[in-house]
Amino acid sequence: MRVPSRSPGQQPASPTAPPRRRPPGAATRRPTSAAPDLAAYRAAVADLLVEVGALADATSTRARQVLIDERLREPALAAVLDATPQGLLGARETLLLEMARYQPNERTSARDLTALVRIYLLSRIDVLWWQDAPVFHTDEQVNGSAELVDLEWLRRRDLLRFRYQEQPATVLGRAARGLRRRLRPDVTPRTAGLLFRRARREVVALLNELGREFAAAAPAGTPPLWVTSLVRSTEHQYRLRRLGYAAMLPSGHCLGYSADVELAWFTRFGARDALAELLLARQEAGDLNVIDEGQAWHLCLAPTARHRLRRAYEAEMGV
């Protein structure tokens, strides 16, 4: 099957030479003369998604592979992917493997292959930004880290401008949660909740800012911003993958700089579009990377906003 081109008569870009393998022990950061153009990257991803959608049927597997091979080598995409630790070749191989393994299910935010490609490619911005940050490999590291603060301690002191719920820890707790959902199905978003009620100080400050802005922009009576996911361990990320979730690796969640916020639930309050516009404006300003994952949107804090938000946290909390 012929791969659709972007316009009549346009020829695919010439392949570039694959990146050279780094020797063992070499630094992961790739030297660059200038930061990649993220706006151009996002636009190129959007163009690619149109073409992936045109090859959505099961018989187009080979054509999709050819398409990915060609498009990822285009300068706007290659500049970002080659600056990540995996490099362009590693990103290509990982994406093709994710596509080959993809199975639609009720849990995953990747409702189809197009969504899977979008989530994977846009999440590489998180990896580009935070490739030198330490990873939380285990649940124990998350629970014991001095870099993370306890959200419940802050909530009880009315220092949070957003809401969340924890995952039930017992069978009885899960049964009670299920009963509440049956009796009042729309009173809260349909989400498993946080396994870890911990977050980086900068992320707390960011979510508080977003919570205040959302409260000002949303119609009267709209509930506060709702956070569905924060820091995760790599250990937990693998558990989510086994359950069928589109949990990418590496992930900004495993570095503590990402969060997921509910979008779909706010439709019933007429506030979804206001929240979406707010998040995209923050992306345009360079504070965030935003990924539309359907029910919830994924956010990743930009390194350039880290110090400002750390100061904001300290000023707000009086520390």
C-alpha atoms as a PDB file:
ATOM      1  CA  MET A   1       0.000   0.000   0.000  1.00  0.00           C
ATOM      2  CA  ARG A   2       1.338   3.423  -0.910  1.00  0.00           C
ATOM      3  CA  VAL A   3       1.918   5.766   2.017  1.00  0.00           C
ATOM      4  CA  PRO A   4      -0.140   8.961   1.615  1.00  0.00           C
ATOM      5  CA  SER A   5       1.942  12.084   1.070  1.00  0.00           C
ATOM      6  CA  ARG A   6       1.197  15.482   2.597  1.00  0.00           C
ATOM      7  CA  SER A   7       0.414  17.094  -0.730  1.00  0.00           C
ATOM      8  CA  PRO A   8       0.193  15.943  -4.346  1.00  0.00           C
ATOM      9  CA  GLY A   9       3.596  15.254  -5.784  1.00  0.00           C
ATOM     10  CA  GLN A  10       5.524  15.758  -2.556  1.00  0.00           C
ATOM     11  CA  GLN A  11       8.398  13.335  -2.172  1.00  0.00           C
ATOM     12  CA  PRO A  12       9.433  11.763   1.140  1.00  0.00           C
ATOM     13  CA  ALA A  13      12.396  13.274   2.876  1.00  0.00           C
ATOM     14  CA  SER A  14      15.748  11.616   2.247  1.00  0.00           C
ATOM     15  CA  PRO A  15      16.818   9.385   5.127  1.00  0.00           C
ATOM     16  CA  THR A  16      19.624  10.669   7.244  1.00  0.00           C
ATOM     17  CA  ALA A  17      22.407   8.511   8.567  1.00  0.00           C
ATOM     18  CA  PRO A  18      21.502   6.783  11.838  1.00  0.00           C
ATOM     19  CA  PRO A  19      23.083   8.346  14.912  1.00  0.00           C
ATOM     20  CA  ARG A  20      26.311   6.784  16.072  1.00  0.00           C
ATOM     21  CA  ARG A  21      26.156   4.595  19.166  1.00  0.00           C
ATOM     22  CA  ARG A  22      27.673   6.213  22.249  1.00  0.00           C
ATOM     23  CA  PRO A  23      30.485   4.331  23.953  1.00  0.00           C
ATOM     24  CA  PRO A  24      29.689   2.789  27.356  1.00  0.00           C
ATOM     25  CA  GLY A  25      29.856   5.328  30.156  1.00  0.00           C
ATOM     26  CA  ALA A  26      29.428   8.331  27.884  1.00  0.00           C
ATOM     27  CA  ALA A  27      27.260  11.223  29.077  1.00  0.00           C
ATOM     28  CA  THR A  28      23.606  11.024  28.111  1.00  0.00           C
ATOM     29  CA  ARG A  29      23.258  14.700  27.201  1.00  0.00           C
ATOM     30  CA  ARG A  30      23.680  15.375  23.496  1.00  0.00           C
ATOM     31  CA  PRO A  31      25.513  18.593  22.663  1.00  0.00           C
ATOM     32  CA  THR A  32      23.397  20.950  20.590  1.00  0.00           C
ATOM     33  CA  SER A  33      24.023  24.401  19.211  1.00  0.00           C
ATOM     34  CA  ALA A  34      20.464  25.515  19.951  1.00  0.00           C
ATOM     35  CA  ALA A  35      17.395  24.192  21.708  1.00  0.00           C
ATOM     36  CA  PRO A  36      14.991  22.326  19.383  1.00  0.00           C
ATOM     37  CA  ASP A  37      11.968  24.262  18.132  1.00  0.00           C
ATOM     38  CA  LEU A  38       9.135  22.719  20.167  1.00  0.00           C
ATOM     39  CA  ALA A  39       6.394  24.595  18.307  1.00  0.00           C
ATOM     40  CA  ALA A  40       7.679  23.149  15.024  1.00  0.00           C
ATOM     41  CA  TYR A  41       7.899  19.715  16.637  1.00  0.00           C
ATOM     42  CA  ARG A  42       4.292  19.834  17.854  1.00  0.00           C
ATOM     43  CA  ALA A  43       3.117  20.994  14.425  1.00  0.00           C
ATOM     44  CA  ALA A  44       5.025  18.154  12.749  1.00  0.00           C
ATOM     45  CA  VAL A  45       3.486  15.656  15.180  1.00  0.00           C
ATOM     46  CA  ALA A  46       0.012  16.976  14.314  1.00  0.00           C
ATOM     47  CA  ASP A  47       0.743  16.502  10.596  1.00  0.00           C
ATOM     48  CA  LEU A  48       2.011  12.974  11.207  1.00  0.00           C
ATOM     49  CA  LEU A  49      -1.130  12.052  13.149  1.00  0.00           C
ATOM     50  CA  VAL A  50      -3.317  12.873  10.139  1.00  0.00           C
ATOM     51  CA  GLU A  51      -1.312  10.406   8.066  1.00  0.00           C
ATOM     52  CA  VAL A  52      -1.309   7.735  10.772  1.00  0.00           C
ATOM     53  CA  GLY A  53      -5.096   8.062  10.961  1.00  0.00           C
ATOM     54  CA  ALA A  54      -5.331   7.403   7.218  1.00  0.00           C
ATOM     55  CA  LEU A  55      -3.536   4.081   7.774  1.00  0.00           C
ATOM     56  CA  ALA A  56      -5.534   2.923  10.772  1.00  0.00           C
ATOM     57  CA  ASP A  57      -6.758  -0.429   9.412  1.00  0.00           C
ATOM     58  CA  ALA A  58      -5.004  -3.654  10.359  1.00  0.00           C
ATOM     59  CA  THR A  59      -3.775  -4.307   6.795  1.00  0.00           C
ATOM     60  CA  SER A  60      -1.698  -1.105   6.798  1.00  0.00           C
ATOM     61  CA  THR A  61       0.968  -2.257   9.272  1.00  0.00           C
ATOM     62  CA  ARG A  62       3.794  -2.141   6.755  1.00  0.00           C
ATOM     63  CA  ALA A  63       2.677   1.196   5.357  1.00  0.00           C
ATOM     64  CA  ARG A  64       2.587   2.661   8.876  1.00  0.00           C
ATOM     65  CA  GLN A  65       6.130   1.481   9.494  1.00  0.00           C
ATOM     66  CA  VAL A  66       7.335   3.113   6.285  1.00  0.00           C
ATOM     67  CA  LEU A  67       5.510   6.298   7.223  1.00  0.00           C
ATOM     68  CA  ILE A  68       7.122   6.411  10.684  1.00  0.00           C
ATOM     69  CA  ASP A  69      10.558   5.705   9.175  1.00  0.00           C
ATOM     70  CA  GLU A  70      10.233   8.599   6.771  1.00  0.00           C
ATOM     71  CA  ARG A  71       8.531  11.214   8.919  1.00  0.00           C
ATOM     72  CA  LEU A  72      10.628  10.850  12.072  1.00  0.00           C
ATOM     73  CA  ARG A  73      13.708  11.783  10.040  1.00  0.00           C
ATOM     74  CA  GLU A  74      12.246  15.142   9.087  1.00  0.00           C
ATOM     75  CA  PRO A  75      14.222  17.979  10.718  1.00  0.00           C
ATOM     76  CA  ALA A  76      11.462  19.259  13.028  1.00  0.00           C
ATOM     77  CA  LEU A  77      10.903  15.799  14.524  1.00  0.00           C
ATOM     78  CA  ALA A  78      14.477  14.541  14.382  1.00  0.00           C
ATOM     79  CA  ALA A  79      15.827  17.594  16.227  1.00  0.00           C
ATOM     80  CA  VAL A  80      13.832  16.735  19.360  1.00  0.00           C
ATOM     81  CA  LEU A  81      14.101  12.948  19.209  1.00  0.00           C
ATOM     82  CA  ASP A  82      17.838  12.957  18.608  1.00  0.00           C
ATOM     83  CA  ALA A  83      18.326  15.222  21.647  1.00  0.00           C
ATOM     84  CA  THR A  84      16.721  12.656  23.980  1.00  0.00           C
ATOM     85  CA  PRO A  85      18.815   9.913  25.630  1.00  0.00           C
ATOM     86  CA  GLN A  86      17.439   7.253  23.260  1.00  0.00           C
ATOM     87  CA  GLY A  87      18.238   9.285  20.178  1.00  0.00           C
ATOM     88  CA  LEU A  88      16.284   9.214  16.935  1.00  0.00           C
ATOM     89  CA  LEU A  89      16.899   5.539  16.231  1.00  0.00           C
ATOM     90  CA  GLY A  90      15.910   4.444  19.732  1.00  0.00           C
ATOM     91  CA  ALA A  91      12.754   6.580  19.662  1.00  0.00           C
ATOM     92  CA  ARG A  92      11.771   5.105  16.299  1.00  0.00           C
ATOM     93  CA  GLU A  93      12.297   1.540  17.475  1.00  0.00           C
ATOM     94  CA  THR A  94      10.371   2.147  20.708  1.00  0.00           C
ATOM     95  CA  LEU A  95       7.440   3.762  18.910  1.00  0.00           C
ATOM     96  CA  LEU A  96       7.188   0.934  16.387  1.00  0.00           C
ATOM     97  CA  LEU A  97       7.301  -1.594  19.232  1.00  0.00           C
ATOM     98  CA  GLU A  98       4.561   0.268  21.121  1.00  0.00           C
ATOM     99  CA  MET A  99       2.440   0.279  17.970  1.00  0.00           C
ATOM    100  CA  ALA A 100       3.022  -3.448  17.373  1.00  0.00           C
ATOM    101  CA  ARG A 101       2.027  -4.275  20.952  1.00  0.00           C
ATOM    102  CA  TYR A 102      -0.958  -1.948  21.066  1.00  0.00           C
ATOM    103  CA  GLN A 103      -4.268  -3.486  22.143  1.00  0.00           C
ATOM    104  CA  PRO A 104      -7.280  -1.177  22.665  1.00  0.00           C
ATOM    105  CA  ASN A 105      -8.994  -1.539  26.034  1.00  0.00           C
ATOM    106  CA  GLU A 106     -11.197   0.434  28.424  1.00  0.00           C
ATOM    107  CA  ARG A 107      -8.308   1.524  30.648  1.00  0.00           C
ATOM    108  CA  THR A 108      -5.878   3.059  28.206  1.00  0.00           C
ATOM    109  CA  SER A 109      -5.933   6.737  27.296  1.00  0.00           C
ATOM    110  CA  ALA A 110      -4.716   5.693  23.826  1.00  0.00           C
ATOM    111  CA  ARG A 111      -8.115   4.978  22.282  1.00  0.00           C
ATOM    112  CA  ASP A 112      -6.534   4.144  18.917  1.00  0.00           C
ATOM    113  CA  LEU A 113      -3.128   4.030  17.238  1.00  0.00           C
ATOM    114  CA  THR A 114      -3.280   7.738  16.415  1.00  0.00           C
ATOM    115  CA  ALA A 115      -3.677   8.578  20.106  1.00  0.00           C
ATOM    116  CA  LEU A 116      -0.838   6.215  20.994  1.00  0.00           C
ATOM    117  CA  VAL A 117       1.517   7.949  18.555  1.00  0.00           C
ATOM    118  CA  ARG A 118       0.466  11.366  19.843  1.00  0.00           C
ATOM    119  CA  ILE A 119       1.033  10.427  23.487  1.00  0.00           C
ATOM    120  CA  TYR A 120       4.404   8.834  22.803  1.00  0.00           C
ATOM    121  CA  LEU A 121       5.840  11.585  20.621  1.00  0.00           C
ATOM    122  CA  LEU A 122       4.634  14.506  22.745  1.00  0.00           C
ATOM    123  CA  SER A 123       5.862  12.801  25.921  1.00  0.00           C
ATOM    124  CA  ARG A 124       9.381  12.899  24.439  1.00  0.00           C
ATOM    125  CA  ILE A 125       9.385  16.629  25.230  1.00  0.00           C
ATOM    126  CA  ASP A 126       9.209  15.713  28.927  1.00  0.00           C
ATOM    127  CA  VAL A 127      12.168  13.376  28.442  1.00  0.00           C
ATOM    128  CA  LEU A 128      14.134  16.007  26.536  1.00  0.00           C
ATOM    129  CA  TRP A 129      13.589  18.555  29.305  1.00  0.00           C
ATOM    130  CA  TRP A 130      14.365  16.332  32.287  1.00  0.00           C
ATOM    131  CA  GLN A 131      16.809  13.748  30.932  1.00  0.00           C
ATOM    132  CA  ASP A 132      19.364  14.523  33.641  1.00  0.00           C
ATOM    133  CA  ALA A 133      16.894  14.415  36.552  1.00  0.00           C
ATOM    134  CA  PRO A 134      17.042  11.442  38.955  1.00  0.00           C
ATOM    135  CA  VAL A 135      14.357   8.792  38.495  1.00  0.00           C
ATOM    136  CA  PHE A 136      12.148   7.360  41.234  1.00  0.00           C
ATOM    137  CA  HIS A 137      12.687   3.688  40.465  1.00  0.00           C
ATOM    138  CA  THR A 138      10.778   2.114  43.365  1.00  0.00           C
ATOM    139  CA  ASP A 139       7.712   2.842  45.483  1.00  0.00           C
ATOM    140  CA  GLU A 140      10.024   3.040  48.492  1.00  0.00           C
ATOM    141  CA  GLN A 141      12.038   5.828  46.867  1.00  0.00           C
ATOM    142  CA  VAL A 142       8.863   7.844  46.265  1.00  0.00           C
ATOM    143  CA  ASN A 143       7.610   7.404  49.813  1.00  0.00           C
ATOM    144  CA  GLY A 144      10.985   8.217  51.345  1.00  0.00           C
ATOM    145  CA  SER A 145      12.122  11.142  49.199  1.00  0.00           C
ATOM    146  CA  ALA A 146      12.847  14.452  50.907  1.00  0.00           C
ATOM    147  CA  GLU A 147      12.227  16.156  47.527  1.00  0.00           C
ATOM    148  CA  LEU A 148       8.504  15.394  47.803  1.00  0.00           C
ATOM    149  CA  VAL A 149       5.934  16.847  50.194  1.00  0.00           C
ATOM    150  CA  ASP A 150       2.839  15.211  51.680  1.00  0.00           C
ATOM    151  CA  LEU A 151      -0.294  16.541  50.004  1.00  0.00           C
ATOM    152  CA  GLU A 152      -2.548  15.467  52.853  1.00  0.00           C
ATOM    153  CA  TRP A 153      -0.577  17.599  55.304  1.00  0.00           C
ATOM    154  CA  LEU A 154      -1.075  20.595  53.004  1.00  0.00           C
ATOM    155  CA  ARG A 155      -4.745  19.827  52.320  1.00  0.00           C
ATOM    156  CA  ARG A 156      -5.628  19.717  56.022  1.00  0.00           C
ATOM    157  CA  ARG A 157      -4.162  23.201  56.381  1.00  0.00           C
ATOM    158  CA  ASP A 158      -6.160  24.518  53.405  1.00  0.00           C
ATOM    159  CA  LEU A 159      -2.978  25.152  51.392  1.00  0.00           C
ATOM    160  CA  LEU A 160      -4.079  23.417  48.181  1.00  0.00           C
ATOM    161  CA  ARG A 161      -6.163  24.995  45.424  1.00  0.00           C
ATOM    162  CA  PHE A 162      -6.905  21.642  43.775  1.00  0.00           C
ATOM    163  CA  ARG A 163      -8.530  18.358  44.720  1.00  0.00           C
ATOM    164  CA  TYR A 164      -7.518  14.721  44.451  1.00  0.00           C
ATOM    165  CA  GLN A 165      -8.479  11.358  45.876  1.00  0.00           C
ATOM    166  CA  GLU A 166      -6.262   8.490  46.992  1.00  0.00           C
ATOM    167  CA  GLN A 167      -6.506   4.940  45.757  1.00  0.00           C
ATOM    168  CA  PRO A 168      -8.259   2.740  48.337  1.00  0.00           C
ATOM    169  CA  ALA A 169      -5.692   0.628  50.162  1.00  0.00           C
ATOM    170  CA  THR A 170      -8.024  -2.221  51.204  1.00  0.00           C
ATOM    171  CA  VAL A 171     -10.743  -4.429  49.732  1.00  0.00           C
ATOM    172  CA  LEU A 172     -13.267  -2.716  52.022  1.00  0.00           C
ATOM    173  CA  GLY A 173     -12.142   0.701  50.785  1.00  0.00           C
ATOM    174  CA  ARG A 174     -12.496  -0.347  47.153  1.00  0.00           C
ATOM    175  CA  ALA A 175     -15.975  -1.718  47.845  1.00  0.00           C
ATOM    176  CA  ALA A 176     -17.007   1.551  49.506  1.00  0.00           C
ATOM    177  CA  ARG A 177     -15.655   3.532  46.538  1.00  0.00           C
ATOM    178  CA  GLY A 178     -17.610   1.347  44.125  1.00  0.00           C
ATOM    179  CA  LEU A 179     -20.820   1.802  46.143  1.00  0.00           C
ATOM    180  CA  ARG A 180     -20.438   5.591  46.158  1.00  0.00           C
ATOM    181  CA  ARG A 181     -19.950   5.589  42.401  1.00  0.00           C
ATOM    182  CA  ARG A 182     -23.136   3.597  41.873  1.00  0.00           C
ATOM    183  CA  LEU A 183     -25.175   5.836  44.157  1.00  0.00           C
ATOM    184  CA  ARG A 184     -23.693   9.156  42.944  1.00  0.00           C
ATOM    185  CA  PRO A 185     -21.911   8.370  39.661  1.00  0.00           C
ATOM    186  CA  ASP A 186     -21.027  11.940  38.663  1.00  0.00           C
ATOM    187  CA  VAL A 187     -20.132  13.519  41.985  1.00  0.00           C
ATOM    188  CA  THR A 188     -16.395  12.985  41.317  1.00  0.00           C
ATOM    189  CA  PRO A 189     -14.365  12.076  38.217  1.00  0.00           C
ATOM    190  CA  ARG A 190     -14.057   8.389  37.379  1.00  0.00           C
ATOM    191  CA  THR A 191     -10.427   7.847  38.266  1.00  0.00           C
ATOM    192  CA  ALA A 192      -8.511   5.326  40.343  1.00  0.00           C
ATOM    193  CA  GLY A 193      -6.897   8.135  42.324  1.00  0.00           C
ATOM    194  CA  LEU A 194      -3.369   8.729  43.544  1.00  0.00           C
ATOM    195  CA  LEU A 195      -1.253   5.806  44.692  1.00  0.00           C
ATOM    196  CA  PHE A 196       1.218   8.304  46.177  1.00  0.00           C
ATOM    197  CA  ARG A 197      -0.155  11.473  47.789  1.00  0.00           C
ATOM    198  CA  ARG A 198       3.223  13.176  47.333  1.00  0.00           C
ATOM    199  CA  ALA A 199       4.529  15.809  44.923  1.00  0.00           C
ATOM    200  CA  ARG A 200       7.452  18.101  44.231  1.00  0.00           C
ATOM    201  CA  ARG A 201       7.105  21.567  45.724  1.00  0.00           C
ATOM    202  CA  GLU A 202       7.324  23.169  42.284  1.00  0.00           C
ATOM    203  CA  VAL A 203       4.454  21.025  41.004  1.00  0.00           C
ATOM    204  CA  VAL A 204       2.308  21.928  44.012  1.00  0.00           C
ATOM    205  CA  ALA A 205       2.926  25.625  43.262  1.00  0.00           C
ATOM    206  CA  LEU A 206       2.058  25.087  39.585  1.00  0.00           C
ATOM    207  CA  LEU A 207      -1.188  23.276  40.390  1.00  0.00           C
ATOM    208  CA  ASN A 208      -2.137  25.937  42.918  1.00  0.00           C
ATOM    209  CA  GLU A 209      -1.620  28.625  40.267  1.00  0.00           C
ATOM    210  CA  LEU A 210      -3.685  26.666  37.756  1.00  0.00           C
ATOM    211  CA  GLY A 211      -6.354  26.070  40.391  1.00  0.00           C
ATOM    212  CA  ARG A 212      -6.715  29.778  41.113  1.00  0.00           C
ATOM    213  CA  GLU A 213      -6.790  30.692  37.415  1.00  0.00           C
ATOM    214  CA  PHE A 214      -9.357  27.982  36.692  1.00  0.00           C
ATOM    215  CA  ALA A 215     -11.576  29.130  39.561  1.00  0.00           C
ATOM    216  CA  ALA A 216     -11.535  32.657  38.104  1.00  0.00           C
ATOM    217  CA  ALA A 217     -12.252  31.524  34.519  1.00  0.00           C
ATOM    218  CA  ALA A 218     -14.845  28.777  35.085  1.00  0.00           C
ATOM    219  CA  PRO A 219     -18.606  29.351  35.480  1.00  0.00           C
ATOM    220  CA  ALA A 220     -19.940  29.869  38.991  1.00  0.00           C
ATOM    221  CA  GLY A 221     -20.448  26.624  40.871  1.00  0.00           C
ATOM    222  CA  THR A 222     -17.663  24.724  39.072  1.00  0.00           C
ATOM    223  CA  PRO A 223     -15.699  22.430  41.397  1.00  0.00           C
ATOM    224  CA  PRO A 224     -11.966  23.070  41.861  1.00  0.00           C
ATOM    225  CA  LEU A 225      -9.252  21.713  39.576  1.00  0.00           C
ATOM    226  CA  TRP A 226      -9.016  17.918  39.943  1.00  0.00           C
ATOM    227  CA  VAL A 227      -5.669  16.119  39.781  1.00  0.00           C
ATOM    228  CA  THR A 228      -5.788  12.443  38.805  1.00  0.00           C
ATOM    229  CA  SER A 229      -2.094  11.503  38.833  1.00  0.00           C
ATOM    230  CA  LEU A 230       1.207  12.876  40.112  1.00  0.00           C
ATOM    231  CA  VAL A 231       4.535  11.248  40.875  1.00  0.00           C
ATOM    232  CA  ARG A 232       4.920   7.544  40.095  1.00  0.00           C
ATOM    233  CA  SER A 233       7.757   5.091  40.475  1.00  0.00           C
ATOM    234  CA  THR A 234       9.104   3.199  37.479  1.00  0.00           C
ATOM    235  CA  GLU A 235       7.976   0.106  39.376  1.00  0.00           C
ATOM    236  CA  HIS A 236       4.394   1.411  39.352  1.00  0.00           C
ATOM    237  CA  GLN A 237       4.666   2.508  35.721  1.00  0.00           C
ATOM    238  CA  TYR A 238       5.365  -1.102  34.757  1.00  0.00           C
ATOM    239  CA  ARG A 239       2.364  -2.225  36.802  1.00  0.00           C
ATOM    240  CA  LEU A 240       0.176   0.206  34.865  1.00  0.00           C
ATOM    241  CA  ARG A 241       1.553  -1.086  31.559  1.00  0.00           C
ATOM    242  CA  ARG A 242       0.696  -4.657  32.518  1.00  0.00           C
ATOM    243  CA  LEU A 243      -2.866  -3.509  33.261  1.00  0.00           C
ATOM    244  CA  GLY A 244      -3.172  -2.029  29.777  1.00  0.00           C
ATOM    245  CA  TYR A 245      -2.591   1.679  30.452  1.00  0.00           C
ATOM    246  CA  ALA A 246      -0.600   3.809  28.004  1.00  0.00           C
ATOM    247  CA  ALA A 247       2.160   4.404  30.580  1.00  0.00           C
ATOM    248  CA  MET A 248       5.215   5.478  28.589  1.00  0.00           C
ATOM    249  CA  LEU A 249       8.829   5.010  29.612  1.00  0.00           C
ATOM    250  CA  PRO A 250      10.806   7.070  30.358  1.00  0.00           C
ATOM    251  CA  SER A 251       8.109   9.262  31.891  1.00  0.00           C
ATOM    252  CA  GLY A 252       7.946  12.690  33.497  1.00  0.00           C
ATOM    253  CA  HIS A 253       5.787  11.086  36.210  1.00  0.00           C
ATOM    254  CA  CYS A 254       8.756   8.978  37.324  1.00  0.00           C
ATOM    255  CA  LEU A 255      10.810  12.158  37.693  1.00  0.00           C
ATOM    256  CA  GLY A 256       8.139  13.939  39.717  1.00  0.00           C
ATOM    257  CA  TYR A 257       7.644  16.794  37.253  1.00  0.00           C
ATOM    258  CA  SER A 258       4.389  15.624  35.633  1.00  0.00           C
ATOM    259  CA  ALA A 259       0.730  15.599  36.632  1.00  0.00           C
ATOM    260  CA  ASP A 260      -2.553  14.582  35.019  1.00  0.00           C
ATOM    261  CA  VAL A 261      -5.624  16.784  35.433  1.00  0.00           C
ATOM    262  CA  GLU A 262      -9.250  15.876  34.748  1.00  0.00           C
ATOM    263  CA  LEU A 263     -10.867  17.504  31.696  1.00  0.00           C
ATOM    264  CA  ALA A 264     -13.895  15.440  30.629  1.00  0.00           C
ATOM    265  CA  TRP A 265     -15.747  15.667  33.970  1.00  0.00           C
ATOM    266  CA  PHE A 266     -15.811  19.464  33.761  1.00  0.00           C
ATOM    267  CA  THR A 267     -17.929  19.305  30.601  1.00  0.00           C
ATOM    268  CA  ARG A 268     -21.013  18.873  32.790  1.00  0.00           C
ATOM    269  CA  PHE A 269     -20.233  22.236  34.413  1.00  0.00           C
ATOM    270  CA  GLY A 270     -19.548  24.007  31.116  1.00  0.00           C
ATOM    271  CA  ALA A 271     -15.930  24.498  32.202  1.00  0.00           C
ATOM    272  CA  ARG A 272     -13.906  22.050  30.115  1.00  0.00           C
ATOM    273  CA  ASP A 273     -13.019  24.504  27.354  1.00  0.00           C
ATOM    274  CA  ALA A 274     -11.966  27.146  29.866  1.00  0.00           C
ATOM    275  CA  LEU A 275      -9.546  24.702  31.468  1.00  0.00           C
ATOM    276  CA  ALA A 276      -8.205  23.514  28.111  1.00  0.00           C
ATOM    277  CA  GLU A 277      -7.565  27.096  27.003  1.00  0.00           C
ATOM    278  CA  LEU A 278      -5.809  27.857  30.265  1.00  0.00           C
ATOM    279  CA  LEU A 279      -3.477  24.854  29.898  1.00  0.00           C
ATOM    280  CA  LEU A 280      -2.678  25.564  26.257  1.00  0.00           C
ATOM    281  CA  ALA A 281      -1.923  29.200  27.107  1.00  0.00           C
ATOM    282  CA  ARG A 282       0.567  27.999  29.709  1.00  0.00           C
ATOM    283  CA  GLN A 283       2.147  25.764  27.075  1.00  0.00           C
ATOM    284  CA  GLU A 284       2.371  28.677  24.664  1.00  0.00           C
ATOM    285  CA  ALA A 285       4.094  30.705  27.388  1.00  0.00           C
ATOM    286  CA  GLY A 286       6.689  27.940  27.769  1.00  0.00           C
ATOM    287  CA  ASP A 287       5.721  26.821  31.289  1.00  0.00           C
ATOM    288  CA  LEU A 288       4.281  23.433  30.366  1.00  0.00           C
ATOM    289  CA  ASN A 289       4.187  20.549  27.980  1.00  0.00           C
ATOM    290  CA  VAL A 290       0.550  19.504  27.493  1.00  0.00           C
ATOM    291  CA  ILE A 291      -0.744  16.217  26.068  1.00  0.00           C
ATOM    292  CA  ASP A 292      -4.430  15.655  25.354  1.00  0.00           C
ATOM    293  CA  GLU A 293      -5.104  12.136  26.676  1.00  0.00           C
ATOM    294  CA  GLY A 294      -8.880  12.301  26.431  1.00  0.00           C
ATOM    295  CA  GLN A 295     -10.488  12.200  29.865  1.00  0.00           C
ATOM    296  CA  ALA A 296      -7.407  13.730  31.500  1.00  0.00           C
ATOM    297  CA  TRP A 297      -4.616  15.892  30.125  1.00  0.00           C
ATOM    298  CA  HIS A 298      -0.989  15.265  30.942  1.00  0.00           C
ATOM    299  CA  LEU A 299       1.138  18.209  32.083  1.00  0.00           C
ATOM    300  CA  CYS A 300       4.889  18.456  32.501  1.00  0.00           C
ATOM    301  CA  LEU A 301       6.627  21.403  34.134  1.00  0.00           C
ATOM    302  CA  ALA A 302       9.262  23.126  31.977  1.00  0.00           C
ATOM    303  CA  PRO A 303      12.735  23.463  33.559  1.00  0.00           C
ATOM    304  CA  THR A 304      12.688  27.203  32.850  1.00  0.00           C
ATOM    305  CA  ALA A 305       9.735  27.606  35.253  1.00  0.00           C
ATOM    306  CA  ARG A 306      11.181  25.487  38.052  1.00  0.00           C
ATOM    307  CA  HIS A 307      12.976  28.162  40.092  1.00  0.00           C
ATOM    308  CA  ARG A 308      10.094  30.635  39.892  1.00  0.00           C
ATOM    309  CA  LEU A 309       7.643  28.010  41.093  1.00  0.00           C
ATOM    310  CA  ARG A 310       9.953  26.871  43.890  1.00  0.00           C
ATOM    311  CA  ARG A 311      10.084  30.464  45.149  1.00  0.00           C
ATOM    312  CA  ALA A 312       6.314  30.708  44.796  1.00  0.00           C
ATOM    313  CA  TYR A 313       5.870  27.569  46.902  1.00  0.00           C
ATOM    314  CA  GLU A 314       8.172  28.861  49.620  1.00  0.00           C
ATOM    315  CA  ALA A 315       6.408  32.235  49.699  1.00  0.00           C
ATOM    316  CA  GLU A 316       2.935  30.670  49.789  1.00  0.00           C
ATOM    317  CA  MET A 317       3.788  28.113  52.462  1.00  0.00           C
ATOM    318  CA  GLY A 318       5.838  30.549  54.553  1.00  0.00           C
ATOM    319  CA  VAL A 319       9.036  28.497  54.484  1.00  0.00           C
END
